[in-house]
Amino acid sequence: MNDTGSKRLERKRQGRMVAGVCVGIGDYFGIDANIVRLIFAIACFFGFMGALVYLVAWAVLPEEGEKESIVEHLVNKNG
């Protein structure tokens, strides 16, 4: 939760295996991170969509404790 007490979709630092995307999504929706990982793994077998969605989520979700995502940082830095 952030300062206002509302949930925030973000990449988590604890429990991560790669970038914290699955843990963050699982925490936000109240499901186990392993289920989210399984969904991404299954989606990888169907046209590589799981990996693409994971990469996009990694770029647009801010890391826990950060105010902006990687994409927001790049846009604000160059804009």
PDB file of N, CA and C in Angstrom:
ATOM      1  N   MET A   1       0.834  -1.186   0.000  1.00  0.00           N
ATOM      2  CA  MET A   1       0.000   0.000   0.000  1.00  0.00           C
ATOM      3  C   MET A   1       0.876   1.246   0.000  1.00  0.00           C
ATOM      4  N   ASN A   2       0.360   2.286  -0.589  1.00  0.00           N
ATOM      5  CA  ASN A   2       1.125   3.521  -0.615  1.00  0.00           C
ATOM      6  C   ASN A   2       0.714   4.431   0.535  1.00  0.00           C
ATOM      7  N   ASP A   3       1.155   5.678   0.519  1.00  0.00           N
ATOM      8  CA  ASP A   3       0.902   6.607   1.619  1.00  0.00           C
ATOM      9  C   ASP A   3      -0.575   6.878   1.860  1.00  0.00           C
ATOM     10  N   THR A   4      -1.394   6.753   0.819  1.00  0.00           N
ATOM     11  CA  THR A   4      -2.822   7.025   0.974  1.00  0.00           C
ATOM     12  C   THR A   4      -3.595   5.805   1.456  1.00  0.00           C
ATOM     13  N   GLY A   5      -2.936   4.670   1.572  1.00  0.00           N
ATOM     14  CA  GLY A   5      -3.585   3.457   2.055  1.00  0.00           C
ATOM     15  C   GLY A   5      -4.231   2.630   0.966  1.00  0.00           C
ATOM     16  N   SER A   6      -4.151   3.068  -0.296  1.00  0.00           N
ATOM     17  CA  SER A   6      -4.736   2.300  -1.389  1.00  0.00           C
ATOM     18  C   SER A   6      -3.688   1.365  -1.988  1.00  0.00           C
ATOM     19  N   LYS A   7      -4.171   0.306  -2.615  1.00  0.00           N
ATOM     20  CA  LYS A   7      -3.256  -0.641  -3.263  1.00  0.00           C
ATOM     21  C   LYS A   7      -2.628  -0.001  -4.480  1.00  0.00           C
ATOM     22  N   ARG A   8      -1.411  -0.433  -4.765  1.00  0.00           N
ATOM     23  CA  ARG A   8      -0.702   0.058  -5.939  1.00  0.00           C
ATOM     24  C   ARG A   8      -0.091  -1.133  -6.655  1.00  0.00           C
ATOM     25  N   LEU A   9      -0.320  -1.235  -7.935  1.00  0.00           N
ATOM     26  CA  LEU A   9       0.269  -2.305  -8.735  1.00  0.00           C
ATOM     27  C   LEU A   9       1.721  -1.940  -9.002  1.00  0.00           C
ATOM     28  N   GLU A  10       2.646  -2.717  -8.430  1.00  0.00           N
ATOM     29  CA  GLU A  10       4.066  -2.426  -8.553  1.00  0.00           C
ATOM     30  C   GLU A  10       4.864  -3.713  -8.492  1.00  0.00           C
ATOM     31  N   ARG A  11       6.097  -3.659  -8.998  1.00  0.00           N
ATOM     32  CA  ARG A  11       6.997  -4.814  -8.927  1.00  0.00           C
ATOM     33  C   ARG A  11       7.558  -4.894  -7.512  1.00  0.00           C
ATOM     34  N   LYS A  12       7.468  -6.053  -6.910  1.00  0.00           N
ATOM     35  CA  LYS A  12       7.908  -6.243  -5.530  1.00  0.00           C
ATOM     36  C   LYS A  12       9.368  -6.652  -5.474  1.00  0.00           C
ATOM     37  N   ARG A  13      10.015  -6.285  -4.379  1.00  0.00           N
ATOM     38  CA  ARG A  13      11.420  -6.652  -4.173  1.00  0.00           C
ATOM     39  C   ARG A  13      11.534  -8.017  -3.506  1.00  0.00           C
ATOM     40  N   GLN A  14      10.649  -8.298  -2.560  1.00  0.00           N
ATOM     41  CA  GLN A  14      10.701  -9.571  -1.840  1.00  0.00           C
ATOM     42  C   GLN A  14       9.912 -10.641  -2.570  1.00  0.00           C
ATOM     43  N   GLY A  15      10.483 -11.828  -2.667  1.00  0.00           N
ATOM     44  CA  GLY A  15       9.808 -12.940  -3.303  1.00  0.00           C
ATOM     45  C   GLY A  15       9.976 -13.008  -4.801  1.00  0.00           C
ATOM     46  N   ARG A  16      10.742 -12.104  -5.357  1.00  0.00           N
ATOM     47  CA  ARG A  16      10.912 -12.080  -6.818  1.00  0.00           C
ATOM     48  C   ARG A  16      11.837 -13.190  -7.285  1.00  0.00           C
ATOM     49  N   MET A  17      11.592 -13.638  -8.494  1.00  0.00           N
ATOM     50  CA  MET A  17      12.486 -14.588  -9.142  1.00  0.00           C
ATOM     51  C   MET A  17      13.273 -13.892 -10.246  1.00  0.00           C
ATOM     52  N   VAL A  18      12.618 -12.977 -10.949  1.00  0.00           N
ATOM     53  CA  VAL A  18      13.301 -12.243 -12.010  1.00  0.00           C
ATOM     54  C   VAL A  18      13.203 -10.746 -11.720  1.00  0.00           C
ATOM     55  N   ALA A  19      12.063 -10.140 -12.026  1.00  0.00           N
ATOM     56  CA  ALA A  19      11.929  -8.690 -11.867  1.00  0.00           C
ATOM     57  C   ALA A  19      10.835  -8.288 -10.881  1.00  0.00           C
ATOM     58  N   GLY A  20      10.147  -9.244 -10.293  1.00  0.00           N
ATOM     59  CA  GLY A  20       9.110  -8.932  -9.318  1.00  0.00           C
ATOM     60  C   GLY A  20       7.731  -8.700  -9.892  1.00  0.00           C
ATOM     61  N   VAL A  21       7.569  -8.919 -11.186  1.00  0.00           N
ATOM     62  CA  VAL A  21       6.277  -8.692 -11.840  1.00  0.00           C
ATOM     63  C   VAL A  21       5.211  -9.641 -11.306  1.00  0.00           C
ATOM     64  N   CYS A  22       5.484 -10.919 -11.266  1.00  0.00           N
ATOM     65  CA  CYS A  22       4.487 -11.911 -10.829  1.00  0.00           C
ATOM     66  C   CYS A  22       4.106 -11.720  -9.362  1.00  0.00           C
ATOM     67  N   VAL A  23       5.093 -11.421  -8.530  1.00  0.00           N
ATOM     68  CA  VAL A  23       4.811 -11.186  -7.113  1.00  0.00           C
ATOM     69  C   VAL A  23       3.941  -9.939  -6.957  1.00  0.00           C
ATOM     70  N   GLY A  24       4.242  -8.904  -7.706  1.00  0.00           N
ATOM     71  CA  GLY A  24       3.460  -7.673  -7.645  1.00  0.00           C
ATOM     72  C   GLY A  24       2.029  -7.867  -8.110  1.00  0.00           C
ATOM     73  N   ILE A  25       1.853  -8.583  -9.213  1.00  0.00           N
ATOM     74  CA  ILE A  25       0.504  -8.850  -9.729  1.00  0.00           C
ATOM     75  C   ILE A  25      -0.258  -9.733  -8.757  1.00  0.00           C
ATOM     76  N   GLY A  26       0.398 -10.771  -8.244  1.00  0.00           N
ATOM     77  CA  GLY A  26      -0.244 -11.655  -7.281  1.00  0.00           C
ATOM     78  C   GLY A  26      -0.663 -10.925  -6.024  1.00  0.00           C
ATOM     79  N   ASP A  27       0.207 -10.062  -5.515  1.00  0.00           N
ATOM     80  CA  ASP A  27      -0.099  -9.287  -4.316  1.00  0.00           C
ATOM     81  C   ASP A  27      -1.268  -8.336  -4.558  1.00  0.00           C
ATOM     82  N   TYR A  28      -1.283  -7.690  -5.702  1.00  0.00           N
ATOM     83  CA  TYR A  28      -2.336  -6.725  -6.027  1.00  0.00           C
ATOM     84  C   TYR A  28      -3.709  -7.389  -6.121  1.00  0.00           C
ATOM     85  N   PHE A  29      -3.746  -8.562  -6.763  1.00  0.00           N
ATOM     86  CA  PHE A  29      -5.023  -9.248  -6.963  1.00  0.00           C
ATOM     87  C   PHE A  29      -5.332 -10.274  -5.873  1.00  0.00           C
ATOM     88  N   GLY A  30      -4.426 -10.455  -4.930  1.00  0.00           N
ATOM     89  CA  GLY A  30      -4.660 -11.361  -3.816  1.00  0.00           C
ATOM     90  C   GLY A  30      -4.570 -12.830  -4.182  1.00  0.00           C
ATOM     91  N   ILE A  31      -3.699 -13.146  -5.142  1.00  0.00           N
ATOM     92  CA  ILE A  31      -3.496 -14.545  -5.521  1.00  0.00           C
ATOM     93  C   ILE A  31      -2.019 -14.897  -5.357  1.00  0.00           C
ATOM     94  N   ASP A  32      -1.730 -16.173  -5.307  1.00  0.00           N
ATOM     95  CA  ASP A  32      -0.359 -16.636  -5.134  1.00  0.00           C
ATOM     96  C   ASP A  32       0.482 -16.296  -6.362  1.00  0.00           C
ATOM     97  N   ALA A  33       1.693 -15.829  -6.131  1.00  0.00           N
ATOM     98  CA  ALA A  33       2.591 -15.458  -7.232  1.00  0.00           C
ATOM     99  C   ALA A  33       2.901 -16.644  -8.138  1.00  0.00           C
ATOM    100  N   ASN A  34       2.904 -17.859  -7.587  1.00  0.00           N
ATOM    101  CA  ASN A  34       3.181 -19.040  -8.412  1.00  0.00           C
ATOM    102  C   ASN A  34       2.087 -19.283  -9.437  1.00  0.00           C
ATOM    103  N   ILE A  35       0.864 -18.926  -9.125  1.00  0.00           N
ATOM    104  CA  ILE A  35      -0.226 -19.041 -10.105  1.00  0.00           C
ATOM    105  C   ILE A  35       0.005 -18.061 -11.243  1.00  0.00           C
ATOM    106  N   VAL A  36       0.416 -16.845 -10.909  1.00  0.00           N
ATOM    107  CA  VAL A  36       0.712 -15.844 -11.943  1.00  0.00           C
ATOM    108  C   VAL A  36       1.883 -16.318 -12.804  1.00  0.00           C
ATOM    109  N   ARG A  37       2.896 -16.885 -12.171  1.00  0.00           N
ATOM    110  CA  ARG A  37       4.045 -17.417 -12.924  1.00  0.00           C
ATOM    111  C   ARG A  37       3.611 -18.528 -13.877  1.00  0.00           C
ATOM    112  N   LEU A  38       2.734 -19.390 -13.402  1.00  0.00           N
ATOM    113  CA  LEU A  38       2.224 -20.478 -14.229  1.00  0.00           C
ATOM    114  C   LEU A  38       1.445 -19.933 -15.427  1.00  0.00           C
ATOM    115  N   ILE A  39       0.648 -18.915 -15.198  1.00  0.00           N
ATOM    116  CA  ILE A  39      -0.114 -18.292 -16.294  1.00  0.00           C
ATOM    117  C   ILE A  39       0.835 -17.718 -17.339  1.00  0.00           C
ATOM    118  N   PHE A  40       1.881 -17.025 -16.886  1.00  0.00           N
ATOM    119  CA  PHE A  40       2.864 -16.487 -17.834  1.00  0.00           C
ATOM    120  C   PHE A  40       3.574 -17.612 -18.584  1.00  0.00           C
ATOM    121  N   ALA A  41       3.921 -18.684 -17.894  1.00  0.00           N
ATOM    122  CA  ALA A  41       4.609 -19.814 -18.539  1.00  0.00           C
ATOM    123  C   ALA A  41       3.722 -20.459 -19.592  1.00  0.00           C
ATOM    124  N   ILE A  42       2.460 -20.675 -19.274  1.00  0.00           N
ATOM    125  CA  ILE A  42       1.520 -21.264 -20.234  1.00  0.00           C
ATOM    126  C   ILE A  42       1.341 -20.326 -21.434  1.00  0.00           C
ATOM    127  N   ALA A  43       1.249 -19.026 -21.159  1.00  0.00           N
ATOM    128  CA  ALA A  43       1.072 -18.054 -22.244  1.00  0.00           C
ATOM    129  C   ALA A  43       2.280 -18.014 -23.171  1.00  0.00           C
ATOM    130  N   CYS A  44       3.452 -18.380 -22.675  1.00  0.00           N
ATOM    131  CA  CYS A  44       4.653 -18.412 -23.522  1.00  0.00           C
ATOM    132  C   CYS A  44       4.538 -19.462 -24.625  1.00  0.00           C
ATOM    133  N   PHE A  45       3.762 -20.510 -24.370  1.00  0.00           N
ATOM    134  CA  PHE A  45       3.586 -21.557 -25.373  1.00  0.00           C
ATOM    135  C   PHE A  45       2.606 -21.156 -26.466  1.00  0.00           C
ATOM    136  N   PHE A  46       1.872 -20.086 -26.255  1.00  0.00           N
ATOM    137  CA  PHE A  46       0.873 -19.645 -27.229  1.00  0.00           C
ATOM    138  C   PHE A  46       1.314 -18.335 -27.874  1.00  0.00           C
ATOM    139  N   GLY A  47       2.194 -18.445 -28.831  1.00  0.00           N
ATOM    140  CA  GLY A  47       2.629 -17.286 -29.601  1.00  0.00           C
ATOM    141  C   GLY A  47       3.541 -16.328 -28.857  1.00  0.00           C
ATOM    142  N   PHE A  48       4.242 -16.813 -27.838  1.00  0.00           N
ATOM    143  CA  PHE A  48       5.228 -16.013 -27.123  1.00  0.00           C
ATOM    144  C   PHE A  48       4.602 -14.818 -26.392  1.00  0.00           C
ATOM    145  N   MET A  49       3.284 -14.844 -26.205  1.00  0.00           N
ATOM    146  CA  MET A  49       2.585 -13.717 -25.582  1.00  0.00           C
ATOM    147  C   MET A  49       2.968 -13.534 -24.112  1.00  0.00           C
ATOM    148  N   GLY A  50       3.236 -14.599 -23.395  1.00  0.00           N
ATOM    149  CA  GLY A  50       3.588 -14.496 -21.982  1.00  0.00           C
ATOM    150  C   GLY A  50       4.846 -13.682 -21.773  1.00  0.00           C
ATOM    151  N   ALA A  51       5.859 -13.953 -22.568  1.00  0.00           N
ATOM    152  CA  ALA A  51       7.124 -13.222 -22.448  1.00  0.00           C
ATOM    153  C   ALA A  51       6.951 -11.761 -22.832  1.00  0.00           C
ATOM    154  N   LEU A  52       6.180 -11.505 -23.868  1.00  0.00           N
ATOM    155  CA  LEU A  52       5.944 -10.124 -24.307  1.00  0.00           C
ATOM    156  C   LEU A  52       5.198  -9.334 -23.236  1.00  0.00           C
ATOM    157  N   VAL A  53       4.140  -9.917 -22.685  1.00  0.00           N
ATOM    158  CA  VAL A  53       3.368  -9.248 -21.635  1.00  0.00           C
ATOM    159  C   VAL A  53       4.235  -9.026 -20.402  1.00  0.00           C
ATOM    160  N   TYR A  54       5.062 -10.014 -20.054  1.00  0.00           N
ATOM    161  CA  TYR A  54       5.963  -9.871 -18.903  1.00  0.00           C
ATOM    162  C   TYR A  54       6.922  -8.703 -19.113  1.00  0.00           C
ATOM    163  N   LEU A  55       7.520  -8.613 -20.286  1.00  0.00           N
ATOM    164  CA  LEU A  55       8.455  -7.525 -20.577  1.00  0.00           C
ATOM    165  C   LEU A  55       7.780  -6.156 -20.524  1.00  0.00           C
ATOM    166  N   VAL A  56       6.574  -6.078 -21.052  1.00  0.00           N
ATOM    167  CA  VAL A  56       5.830  -4.819 -20.992  1.00  0.00           C
ATOM    168  C   VAL A  56       5.513  -4.460 -19.539  1.00  0.00           C
ATOM    169  N   ALA A  57       5.075  -5.449 -18.758  1.00  0.00           N
ATOM    170  CA  ALA A  57       4.768  -5.199 -17.338  1.00  0.00           C
ATOM    171  C   ALA A  57       6.023  -4.755 -16.596  1.00  0.00           C
ATOM    172  N   TRP A  58       7.164  -5.366 -16.881  1.00  0.00           N
ATOM    173  CA  TRP A  58       8.423  -4.981 -16.252  1.00  0.00           C
ATOM    174  C   TRP A  58       8.748  -3.518 -16.546  1.00  0.00           C
ATOM    175  N   ALA A  59       8.469  -3.084 -17.757  1.00  0.00           N
ATOM    176  CA  ALA A  59       8.800  -1.716 -18.166  1.00  0.00           C
ATOM    177  C   ALA A  59       7.819  -0.681 -17.623  1.00  0.00           C
ATOM    178  N   VAL A  60       6.541  -1.037 -17.489  1.00  0.00           N
ATOM    179  CA  VAL A  60       5.539  -0.027 -17.108  1.00  0.00           C
ATOM    180  C   VAL A  60       5.156  -0.047 -15.627  1.00  0.00           C
ATOM    181  N   LEU A  61       5.452  -1.132 -14.914  1.00  0.00           N
ATOM    182  CA  LEU A  61       5.145  -1.173 -13.482  1.00  0.00           C
ATOM    183  C   LEU A  61       6.318  -0.609 -12.695  1.00  0.00           C
ATOM    184  N   PRO A  62       6.071   0.343 -11.823  1.00  0.00           N
ATOM    185  CA  PRO A  62       7.171   0.860 -11.008  1.00  0.00           C
ATOM    186  C   PRO A  62       7.620  -0.176  -9.987  1.00  0.00           C
ATOM    187  N   GLU A  63       8.891  -0.124  -9.631  1.00  0.00           N
ATOM    188  CA  GLU A  63       9.397  -1.023  -8.597  1.00  0.00           C
ATOM    189  C   GLU A  63       8.929  -0.513  -7.236  1.00  0.00           C
ATOM    190  N   GLU A  64       8.749  -1.426  -6.325  1.00  0.00           N
ATOM    191  CA  GLU A  64       8.306  -1.096  -4.978  1.00  0.00           C
ATOM    192  C   GLU A  64       9.198   0.008  -4.394  1.00  0.00           C
ATOM    193  N   GLY A  65       8.569   1.063  -3.896  1.00  0.00           N
ATOM    194  CA  GLY A  65       9.300   2.181  -3.312  1.00  0.00           C
ATOM    195  C   GLY A  65       9.666   3.277  -4.297  1.00  0.00           C
ATOM    196  N   GLU A  66       9.495   3.017  -5.585  1.00  0.00           N
ATOM    197  CA  GLU A  66       9.794   4.012  -6.616  1.00  0.00           C
ATOM    198  C   GLU A  66       8.519   4.745  -7.016  1.00  0.00           C
ATOM    199  N   LYS A  67       8.658   5.981  -7.470  1.00  0.00           N
ATOM    200  CA  LYS A  67       7.490   6.773  -7.862  1.00  0.00           C
ATOM    201  C   LYS A  67       7.115   6.578  -9.320  1.00  0.00           C
ATOM    202  N   GLU A  68       8.092   6.171 -10.141  1.00  0.00           N
ATOM    203  CA  GLU A  68       7.803   6.022 -11.565  1.00  0.00           C
ATOM    204  C   GLU A  68       8.418   4.734 -12.111  1.00  0.00           C
ATOM    205  N   SER A  69       7.835   4.275 -13.213  1.00  0.00           N
ATOM    206  CA  SER A  69       8.322   3.061 -13.866  1.00  0.00           C
ATOM    207  C   SER A  69       9.534   3.389 -14.731  1.00  0.00           C
ATOM    208  N   ILE A  70      10.113   2.358 -15.313  1.00  0.00           N
ATOM    209  CA  ILE A  70      11.254   2.536 -16.215  1.00  0.00           C
ATOM    210  C   ILE A  70      10.853   3.407 -17.405  1.00  0.00           C
ATOM    211  N   VAL A  71       9.679   3.143 -17.961  1.00  0.00           N
ATOM    212  CA  VAL A  71       9.200   3.913 -19.115  1.00  0.00           C
ATOM    213  C   VAL A  71       8.958   5.365 -18.718  1.00  0.00           C
ATOM    214  N   GLU A  72       8.298   5.581 -17.584  1.00  0.00           N
ATOM    215  CA  GLU A  72       8.053   6.957 -17.122  1.00  0.00           C
ATOM    216  C   GLU A  72       9.352   7.706 -16.887  1.00  0.00           C
ATOM    217  N   HIS A  73      10.342   7.020 -16.343  1.00  0.00           N
ATOM    218  CA  HIS A  73      11.647   7.641 -16.099  1.00  0.00           C
ATOM    219  C   HIS A  73      12.300   8.066 -17.417  1.00  0.00           C
ATOM    220  N   LEU A  74      12.250   7.178 -18.410  1.00  0.00           N
ATOM    221  CA  LEU A  74      12.850   7.505 -19.707  1.00  0.00           C
ATOM    222  C   LEU A  74      12.122   8.661 -20.400  1.00  0.00           C
ATOM    223  N   VAL A  75      10.781   8.657 -20.319  1.00  0.00           N
ATOM    224  CA  VAL A  75       9.998   9.714 -20.949  1.00  0.00           C
ATOM    225  C   VAL A  75      10.273  11.059 -20.261  1.00  0.00           C
ATOM    226  N   ASN A  76      10.279  11.054 -18.935  1.00  0.00           N
ATOM    227  CA  ASN A  76      10.520  12.302 -18.192  1.00  0.00           C
ATOM    228  C   ASN A  76      11.945  12.803 -18.370  1.00  0.00           C
ATOM    229  N   LYS A  77      12.888  11.889 -18.508  1.00  0.00           N
ATOM    230  CA  LYS A  77      14.294  12.262 -18.687  1.00  0.00           C
ATOM    231  C   LYS A  77      14.520  12.903 -20.062  1.00  0.00           C
ATOM    232  N   ASN A  78      13.839  12.347 -21.081  1.00  0.00           N
ATOM    233  CA  ASN A  78      14.039  12.822 -22.453  1.00  0.00           C
ATOM    234  C   ASN A  78      13.020  13.880 -22.865  1.00  0.00           C
ATOM    235  N   GLY A  79      11.987  14.065 -22.062  1.00  0.00           N
ATOM    236  CA  GLY A  79      10.922  14.976 -22.490  1.00  0.00           C
ATOM    237  C   GLY A  79      10.940  16.266 -21.855  1.00  0.00           C
TER     238      GLY A  79
END
